[in-house]
Amino acid sequence: MPPIYGGVMRQLDNTNFTRHNKRAFVWISLIIFCLDLIFVAINYHSSRQALNMTLLQRAKTHQNEFNLALDMTYRNMLQLSTFISNNSELNQLFLAGKKAVEKEGGGAGGEESKQLRQDCERRLNHT
């Protein structure tokens, strides 16, 4: 083979090799890119699922806390109403207050209603 022909063949071979390398590089890059996208999607899905689970657990905790507070409030109201209903003096003060408010036109009432509320409060503070 003459040197010129051999040099041209080497150059052609290098050009084909370079084109082949470029194609391989592109394909490998696309495969890596696709795998990376799949990896990111899996991580996103896992993170979102973990966040949803955490939020669900917090919601359940808050619901339980609310139910407990509501139950305690009901019990306190029941205890207070039982205490008031068993105390005849407080019953008389409540009845007098009701009548005073009605006599004074409803709403918050007037001076007589105010005085009866203060008497009721004093009585509750002493028991």
C-alpha atoms as a PDB file:
ATOM      1  CA  MET A   1       0.000   0.000   0.000  1.00  0.00           C
ATOM      2  CA  PRO A   2       1.292   3.374  -0.839  1.00  0.00           C
ATOM      3  CA  PRO A   3       1.781   5.713   2.082  1.00  0.00           C
ATOM      4  CA  ILE A   4      -0.834   8.203   0.852  1.00  0.00           C
ATOM      5  CA  TYR A   5      -3.471   5.471   0.451  1.00  0.00           C
ATOM      6  CA  GLY A   6      -2.654   4.049   3.859  1.00  0.00           C
ATOM      7  CA  GLY A   7      -2.896   7.454   5.491  1.00  0.00           C
ATOM      8  CA  VAL A   8      -6.268   8.110   3.852  1.00  0.00           C
ATOM      9  CA  MET A   9      -7.557   4.719   4.997  1.00  0.00           C
ATOM     10  CA  ARG A  10      -6.431   5.411   8.507  1.00  0.00           C
ATOM     11  CA  GLN A  11      -8.133   8.766   8.364  1.00  0.00           C
ATOM     12  CA  LEU A  12     -11.360   7.151   7.063  1.00  0.00           C
ATOM     13  CA  ASP A  13     -11.124   4.497   9.718  1.00  0.00           C
ATOM     14  CA  ASN A  14     -10.642   7.188  12.373  1.00  0.00           C
ATOM     15  CA  THR A  15     -13.647   9.100  11.011  1.00  0.00           C
ATOM     16  CA  ASN A  16     -15.845   5.980  11.180  1.00  0.00           C
ATOM     17  CA  PHE A  17     -14.464   5.208  14.593  1.00  0.00           C
ATOM     18  CA  THR A  18     -15.221   8.751  15.729  1.00  0.00           C
ATOM     19  CA  ARG A  19     -18.764   8.577  14.335  1.00  0.00           C
ATOM     20  CA  HIS A  20     -19.228   5.224  15.999  1.00  0.00           C
ATOM     21  CA  ASN A  21     -17.883   6.618  19.259  1.00  0.00           C
ATOM     22  CA  LYS A  22     -20.188   9.621  19.005  1.00  0.00           C
ATOM     23  CA  ARG A  23     -23.216   7.383  18.456  1.00  0.00           C
ATOM     24  CA  ALA A  24     -22.209   5.163  21.349  1.00  0.00           C
ATOM     25  CA  PHE A  25     -21.651   8.205  23.540  1.00  0.00           C
ATOM     26  CA  VAL A  26     -25.082   9.584  22.642  1.00  0.00           C
ATOM     27  CA  TRP A  27     -26.799   6.239  23.298  1.00  0.00           C
ATOM     28  CA  ILE A  28     -24.991   5.712  26.572  1.00  0.00           C
ATOM     29  CA  SER A  29     -25.798   9.290  27.604  1.00  0.00           C
ATOM     30  CA  LEU A  30     -29.489   8.745  26.774  1.00  0.00           C
ATOM     31  CA  ILE A  31     -29.540   5.517  28.753  1.00  0.00           C
ATOM     32  CA  ILE A  32     -27.894   7.202  31.732  1.00  0.00           C
ATOM     33  CA  PHE A  33     -30.320  10.128  31.419  1.00  0.00           C
ATOM     34  CA  CYS A  34     -33.327   7.779  31.364  1.00  0.00           C
ATOM     35  CA  LEU A  35     -32.016   5.836  34.352  1.00  0.00           C
ATOM     36  CA  ASP A  36     -31.437   9.087  36.190  1.00  0.00           C
ATOM     37  CA  LEU A  37     -34.995  10.214  35.431  1.00  0.00           C
ATOM     38  CA  ILE A  38     -36.335   6.914  36.721  1.00  0.00           C
ATOM     39  CA  PHE A  39     -34.233   7.279  39.870  1.00  0.00           C
ATOM     40  CA  VAL A  40     -35.506  10.849  40.437  1.00  0.00           C
ATOM     41  CA  ALA A  41     -39.124   9.736  39.872  1.00  0.00           C
ATOM     42  CA  ILE A  42     -38.762   6.877  42.357  1.00  0.00           C
ATOM     43  CA  ASN A  43     -37.217   9.212  44.949  1.00  0.00           C
ATOM     44  CA  TYR A  44     -39.968  11.792  44.383  1.00  0.00           C
ATOM     45  CA  HIS A  45     -42.669   9.154  44.772  1.00  0.00           C
ATOM     46  CA  SER A  46     -41.054   7.753  47.934  1.00  0.00           C
ATOM     47  CA  SER A  47     -40.610  11.191  49.472  1.00  0.00           C
ATOM     48  CA  ARG A  48     -44.182  12.162  48.669  1.00  0.00           C
ATOM     49  CA  GLN A  49     -45.484   8.928  50.156  1.00  0.00           C
ATOM     50  CA  ALA A  50     -43.428   9.468  53.322  1.00  0.00           C
ATOM     51  CA  LEU A  51     -44.725  13.050  53.605  1.00  0.00           C
ATOM     52  CA  ASN A  52     -48.318  11.882  53.210  1.00  0.00           C
ATOM     53  CA  MET A  53     -47.837   9.233  55.890  1.00  0.00           C
ATOM     54  CA  THR A  54     -46.322  11.788  58.268  1.00  0.00           C
ATOM     55  CA  LEU A  55     -49.174  14.231  57.650  1.00  0.00           C
ATOM     56  CA  LEU A  56     -51.727  11.471  58.174  1.00  0.00           C
ATOM     57  CA  GLN A  57     -50.115  10.486  61.483  1.00  0.00           C
ATOM     58  CA  ARG A  58     -50.096  14.127  62.624  1.00  0.00           C
ATOM     59  CA  ALA A  59     -53.740  14.518  61.634  1.00  0.00           C
ATOM     60  CA  LYS A  60     -54.677  11.438  63.657  1.00  0.00           C
ATOM     61  CA  THR A  61     -52.731  12.766  66.648  1.00  0.00           C
ATOM     62  CA  HIS A  62     -54.442  16.150  66.425  1.00  0.00           C
ATOM     63  CA  GLN A  63     -57.847  14.471  66.074  1.00  0.00           C
ATOM     64  CA  ASN A  64     -57.180  12.385  69.199  1.00  0.00           C
ATOM     65  CA  GLU A  65     -56.016  15.475  71.111  1.00  0.00           C
ATOM     66  CA  PHE A  66     -59.123  17.378  70.038  1.00  0.00           C
ATOM     67  CA  ASN A  67     -61.413  14.512  71.064  1.00  0.00           C
ATOM     68  CA  LEU A  68     -59.688  14.300  74.446  1.00  0.00           C
ATOM     69  CA  ALA A  69     -60.029  18.056  75.013  1.00  0.00           C
ATOM     70  CA  LEU A  70     -63.694  17.922  73.955  1.00  0.00           C
ATOM     71  CA  ASP A  71     -64.368  15.018  76.307  1.00  0.00           C
ATOM     72  CA  MET A  72     -62.688  16.856  79.180  1.00  0.00           C
ATOM     73  CA  THR A  73     -64.742  19.973  78.413  1.00  0.00           C
ATOM     74  CA  TYR A  74     -67.954  17.936  78.458  1.00  0.00           C
ATOM     75  CA  ARG A  75     -66.986  16.400  81.784  1.00  0.00           C
ATOM     76  CA  ASN A  76     -66.155  19.809  83.266  1.00  0.00           C
ATOM     77  CA  MET A  77     -69.487  21.202  82.031  1.00  0.00           C
ATOM     78  CA  LEU A  78     -71.330  18.213  83.498  1.00  0.00           C
ATOM     79  CA  GLN A  79     -69.508  18.629  86.797  1.00  0.00           C
ATOM     80  CA  LEU A  80     -70.338  22.350  86.908  1.00  0.00           C
ATOM     81  CA  SER A  81     -73.986  21.804  86.004  1.00  0.00           C
ATOM     82  CA  THR A  82     -74.292  19.057  88.611  1.00  0.00           C
ATOM     83  CA  PHE A  83     -72.747  21.334  91.226  1.00  0.00           C
ATOM     84  CA  ILE A  84     -75.065  24.218  90.345  1.00  0.00           C
ATOM     85  CA  SER A  85     -78.189  22.061  90.173  1.00  0.00           C
ATOM     86  CA  ASN A  86     -77.487  20.605  93.619  1.00  0.00           C
ATOM     87  CA  ASN A  87     -77.019  24.042  95.211  1.00  0.00           C
ATOM     88  CA  SER A  88     -80.404  25.653  95.977  1.00  0.00           C
ATOM     89  CA  GLU A  89     -78.904  29.105  96.721  1.00  0.00           C
ATOM     90  CA  LEU A  90     -77.226  29.190  93.281  1.00  0.00           C
ATOM     91  CA  ASN A  91     -80.471  28.022  91.671  1.00  0.00           C
ATOM     92  CA  GLN A  92     -82.303  30.918  93.299  1.00  0.00           C
ATOM     93  CA  LEU A  93     -79.638  33.389  92.123  1.00  0.00           C
ATOM     94  CA  PHE A  94     -79.824  32.058  88.545  1.00  0.00           C
ATOM     95  CA  LEU A  95     -83.617  32.287  88.563  1.00  0.00           C
ATOM     96  CA  ALA A  96     -83.525  35.827  89.970  1.00  0.00           C
ATOM     97  CA  GLY A  97     -80.947  36.771  87.315  1.00  0.00           C
ATOM     98  CA  LYS A  98     -83.111  35.342  84.552  1.00  0.00           C
ATOM     99  CA  LYS A  99     -86.147  37.261  85.764  1.00  0.00           C
ATOM    100  CA  ALA A 100     -84.090  40.461  86.106  1.00  0.00           C
ATOM    101  CA  VAL A 101     -82.778  40.196  82.547  1.00  0.00           C
ATOM    102  CA  GLU A 102     -86.304  39.615  81.219  1.00  0.00           C
ATOM    103  CA  LYS A 103     -87.602  42.569  83.259  1.00  0.00           C
ATOM    104  CA  GLU A 104     -84.790  44.816  81.963  1.00  0.00           C
ATOM    105  CA  GLY A 105     -85.491  44.020  78.301  1.00  0.00           C
ATOM    106  CA  GLY A 106     -83.178  41.088  77.549  1.00  0.00           C
ATOM    107  CA  GLY A 107     -79.606  41.201  76.254  1.00  0.00           C
ATOM    108  CA  ALA A 108     -77.020  41.679  78.974  1.00  0.00           C
ATOM    109  CA  GLY A 109     -79.619  43.241  81.266  1.00  0.00           C
ATOM    110  CA  GLY A 110     -79.152  46.269  83.475  1.00  0.00           C
ATOM    111  CA  GLU A 111     -77.945  47.104  86.969  1.00  0.00           C
ATOM    112  CA  GLU A 112     -80.062  44.539  88.796  1.00  0.00           C
ATOM    113  CA  SER A 113     -78.827  41.769  86.478  1.00  0.00           C
ATOM    114  CA  LYS A 114     -75.257  42.948  86.947  1.00  0.00           C
ATOM    115  CA  GLN A 115     -75.640  42.848  90.737  1.00  0.00           C
ATOM    116  CA  LEU A 116     -77.108  39.335  90.631  1.00  0.00           C
ATOM    117  CA  ARG A 117     -74.254  38.116  88.402  1.00  0.00           C
ATOM    118  CA  GLN A 118     -71.737  39.507  90.884  1.00  0.00           C
ATOM    119  CA  ASP A 119     -73.575  37.823  93.760  1.00  0.00           C
ATOM    120  CA  CYS A 120     -73.556  34.538  91.852  1.00  0.00           C
ATOM    121  CA  GLU A 121     -69.836  34.901  91.124  1.00  0.00           C
ATOM    122  CA  ARG A 122     -69.075  35.639  94.774  1.00  0.00           C
ATOM    123  CA  ARG A 123     -71.080  32.595  95.821  1.00  0.00           C
ATOM    124  CA  LEU A 124     -69.211  30.378  93.337  1.00  0.00           C
ATOM    125  CA  ASN A 125     -65.833  31.682  94.507  1.00  0.00           C
ATOM    126  CA  HIS A 126     -66.673  30.829  98.131  1.00  0.00           C
ATOM    127  CA  THR A 127     -67.604  27.211  97.382  1.00  0.00           C
END
